Amino acid sequence: LDWLQKRFDMMGATVMALRLVSHRSARVREESVLLLLGLLQEGNPKVQNTIAVFLSQSRGKAVFKAIMDILDTGAEALKDFKRTIKLVKRTIDKGGNTNRTLSLTSRGEREVLNLSGSEAVSLHTLTLTLRLLQLFCEGQYRPLQQLVHRQPGLPNHDLLERCLDLFEIVHPLL
């Protein structure tokens, strides 16, 4: 696996995937995150270095913004979901019926949270993005960990705070 990851990295796959994380197509973003997950599996230091170098440059700004957007969209969708659940529970407790649809459906392997008219968010993409952040921090590669914490020379995105906000929203739903 190490050899394959290094080979793909040398051919530019890591940089390509990082550039595509901020693509406007949700499918392209999701697939690029999947590629990065494969390249980072088992903490490959060569891939981690490539990512750290890319993210420390001005090009990294778009990646951090895309990750923040995914986390923010997921958080808002989950807040809407919580509000809808509370409304449905109140309606049911009063003996009424509701025409709102709460469903967690699957479309192939991708799960979609259906929030009756609010923007759907791919739970799969959100989960993959959280896993990507985990791998950024787990590999014992200090420069990458420090970039996740603080992005020097770039507008600072507090990814840790956003993840904690997301978990605070999700916790009561569990």
Protein backbone atom coordinates (compact mmCIF):
# COMPACT_ATOMS: atom_id res chain seq x y z
CA LEU A 1 0.00 0.00 0.00
CA ASP A 2 2.83 2.39 0.90
CA TRP A 3 4.46 1.95 -2.49
CA LEU A 4 1.17 2.56 -4.31
CA GLN A 5 0.39 5.67 -2.27
CA LYS A 6 3.85 7.09 -2.96
CA ARG A 7 3.50 6.33 -6.66
CA PHE A 8 0.12 8.07 -6.92
CA ASP A 9 1.52 10.99 -4.94
CA MET A 10 4.51 11.31 -7.31
CA MET A 11 2.10 11.35 -10.27
CA GLY A 12 0.20 14.28 -8.73
CA ALA A 13 -2.90 12.47 -7.46
CA THR A 14 -2.69 14.08 -4.02
CA VAL A 15 -2.53 17.63 -5.39
CA MET A 16 -5.28 16.87 -7.91
CA ALA A 17 -7.57 15.54 -5.17
CA LEU A 18 -6.87 18.58 -2.98
CA ARG A 19 -7.75 20.91 -5.83
CA LEU A 20 -10.99 19.02 -6.49
CA VAL A 21 -12.14 19.17 -2.86
CA SER A 22 -13.37 22.69 -3.60
CA HIS A 23 -15.07 21.76 -6.91
CA ARG A 24 -18.66 22.96 -7.29
CA SER A 25 -19.95 19.45 -8.02
CA ALA A 26 -20.84 17.56 -4.83
CA ARG A 27 -20.00 14.26 -6.51
CA VAL A 28 -16.52 15.46 -7.52
CA ARG A 29 -15.90 16.76 -3.98
CA GLU A 30 -16.98 13.45 -2.49
CA GLU A 31 -14.81 11.39 -4.83
CA SER A 32 -11.78 13.61 -4.20
CA VAL A 33 -12.20 13.14 -0.44
CA LEU A 34 -12.40 9.38 -1.00
CA LEU A 35 -9.13 9.49 -2.96
CA LEU A 36 -7.44 11.49 -0.19
CA LEU A 37 -8.66 8.96 2.37
CA GLY A 38 -7.06 6.16 0.39
CA LEU A 39 -3.82 8.07 0.01
CA LEU A 40 -3.68 8.86 3.74
CA GLN A 41 -4.54 5.36 4.90
CA GLU A 42 -2.00 4.13 7.46
CA GLY A 43 -0.53 7.63 7.77
CA ASN A 44 1.72 7.75 4.73
CA PRO A 45 4.31 10.47 5.57
CA LYS A 46 5.05 11.32 1.91
CA VAL A 47 1.37 12.02 1.21
CA GLN A 48 1.03 13.93 4.48
CA ASN A 49 3.98 16.13 3.49
CA THR A 50 2.44 16.83 0.06
CA ILE A 51 -0.84 17.79 1.74
CA ALA A 52 0.90 20.00 4.31
CA VAL A 53 2.87 21.83 1.61
CA PHE A 54 -0.25 22.35 -0.51
CA LEU A 55 -2.38 23.54 2.40
CA SER A 56 0.28 25.95 3.64
CA GLN A 57 0.22 27.79 0.32
CA SER A 58 -2.49 30.19 -0.81
CA ARG A 59 -4.09 27.32 -2.78
CA GLY A 60 -4.94 25.68 0.54
CA LYS A 61 -7.43 28.44 1.31
CA ALA A 62 -10.00 26.91 -1.06
CA VAL A 63 -9.63 23.48 0.58
CA PHE A 64 -10.15 24.85 4.08
CA LYS A 65 -13.14 26.87 2.89
CA ALA A 66 -14.67 23.80 1.21
CA ILE A 67 -14.24 21.75 4.39
CA MET A 68 -15.82 24.53 6.46
CA ASP A 69 -18.73 24.74 4.00
CA ILE A 70 -19.35 20.99 4.26
CA LEU A 71 -19.28 21.15 8.07
CA ASP A 72 -21.52 24.24 8.15
CA THR A 73 -24.06 22.79 5.71
CA GLY A 74 -24.15 19.55 7.67
CA ALA A 75 -24.62 21.41 10.95
CA GLU A 76 -27.48 23.52 9.58
CA ALA A 77 -29.22 20.47 8.11
CA LEU A 78 -28.92 18.63 11.41
CA LYS A 79 -30.28 21.65 13.31
CA ASP A 80 -33.26 21.69 10.93
CA PHE A 81 -33.70 17.98 11.50
CA LYS A 82 -33.70 18.48 15.29
CA ARG A 83 -36.29 21.28 15.03
CA THR A 84 -38.48 19.11 12.80
CA ILE A 85 -38.25 16.19 15.22
CA LYS A 86 -39.30 18.45 18.11
CA LEU A 87 -42.23 19.78 16.08
CA VAL A 88 -43.35 16.28 15.11
CA LYS A 89 -43.06 15.07 18.71
CA ARG A 90 -45.16 18.01 19.94
CA THR A 91 -47.77 17.34 17.26
CA ILE A 92 -47.88 13.64 18.09
CA ASP A 93 -48.03 14.36 21.85
CA LYS A 94 -51.08 16.53 21.22
CA GLY A 95 -52.73 13.63 19.37
CA GLY A 96 -52.49 15.31 16.01
CA ASN A 97 -51.11 14.19 12.73
CA THR A 98 -48.40 15.82 10.69
CA ASN A 99 -47.83 16.05 6.99
CA ARG A 100 -44.07 16.57 7.38
CA THR A 101 -41.89 13.79 6.12
CA LEU A 102 -38.99 12.67 8.25
CA SER A 103 -36.96 10.02 6.60
CA LEU A 104 -33.46 8.79 6.37
CA THR A 105 -33.27 7.22 2.96
CA SER A 106 -30.45 5.75 0.97
CA ARG A 107 -29.65 6.45 -2.62
CA GLY A 108 -27.26 3.68 -3.55
CA GLU A 109 -24.52 3.87 -0.93
CA ARG A 110 -25.08 7.56 -0.24
CA GLU A 111 -27.40 8.55 2.55
CA VAL A 112 -29.45 11.69 2.23
CA LEU A 113 -31.18 13.50 5.03
CA ASN A 114 -34.60 14.54 3.74
CA LEU A 115 -35.71 17.63 5.61
CA SER A 116 -38.93 18.49 3.78
CA GLY A 117 -37.76 21.29 1.58
CA SER A 118 -34.54 22.32 3.28
CA GLU A 119 -31.29 21.73 1.48
CA ALA A 120 -30.34 18.06 1.51
CA VAL A 121 -26.88 17.27 2.75
CA SER A 122 -24.99 14.14 1.98
CA LEU A 123 -24.30 12.44 5.27
CA HIS A 124 -21.79 10.32 3.44
CA THR A 125 -19.78 13.39 2.38
CA LEU A 126 -20.00 14.84 5.88
CA THR A 127 -18.78 11.58 7.40
CA LEU A 128 -15.95 11.30 4.87
CA THR A 129 -14.88 14.88 5.56
CA LEU A 130 -14.77 14.23 9.30
CA ARG A 131 -12.69 11.10 8.64
CA LEU A 132 -10.34 13.15 6.43
CA LEU A 133 -9.82 15.65 9.25
CA GLN A 134 -9.18 12.75 11.59
CA LEU A 135 -6.48 11.39 9.27
CA PHE A 136 -4.96 14.87 8.94
CA CYS A 137 -4.48 14.83 12.71
CA GLU A 138 -3.75 11.16 13.40
CA GLY A 139 -0.65 10.52 11.35
CA GLN A 140 1.74 12.02 13.90
CA TYR A 141 2.84 14.43 11.20
CA ARG A 142 3.14 17.68 13.14
CA PRO A 143 3.10 20.16 10.22
CA LEU A 144 -0.25 18.84 8.99
CA GLN A 145 -1.71 18.80 12.52
CA GLN A 146 -0.62 22.40 13.03
CA LEU A 147 -2.21 23.46 9.73
CA VAL A 148 -5.55 21.96 10.78
CA HIS A 149 -5.29 23.94 14.01
CA ARG A 150 -4.13 27.23 12.48
CA GLN A 151 -3.49 28.22 8.89
CA PRO A 152 -0.62 30.78 8.83
CA GLY A 153 -0.91 33.46 6.18
CA LEU A 154 -4.45 32.35 5.35
CA PRO A 155 -7.81 33.34 6.82
CA ASN A 156 -7.99 31.11 9.88
CA HIS A 157 -10.71 28.45 9.82
CA ASP A 158 -11.27 26.92 13.23
CA LEU A 159 -12.01 23.39 12.07
CA LEU A 160 -11.86 21.93 15.56
CA GLU A 161 -14.49 24.37 16.83
CA ARG A 162 -16.75 23.53 13.86
CA CYS A 163 -16.39 19.80 14.53
CA LEU A 164 -17.27 20.32 18.20
CA ASP A 165 -20.31 22.38 17.18
CA LEU A 166 -21.37 19.57 14.88
CA PHE A 167 -21.01 16.94 17.61
CA GLU A 168 -22.96 19.15 20.01
CA ILE A 169 -25.82 19.15 17.52
CA VAL A 170 -25.65 15.41 16.87
CA HIS A 171 -25.30 14.25 20.47
CA PRO A 172 -28.98 14.69 21.46
CA LEU A 173 -30.02 12.83 18.30
CA LEU A 174 -28.12 9.71 19.32
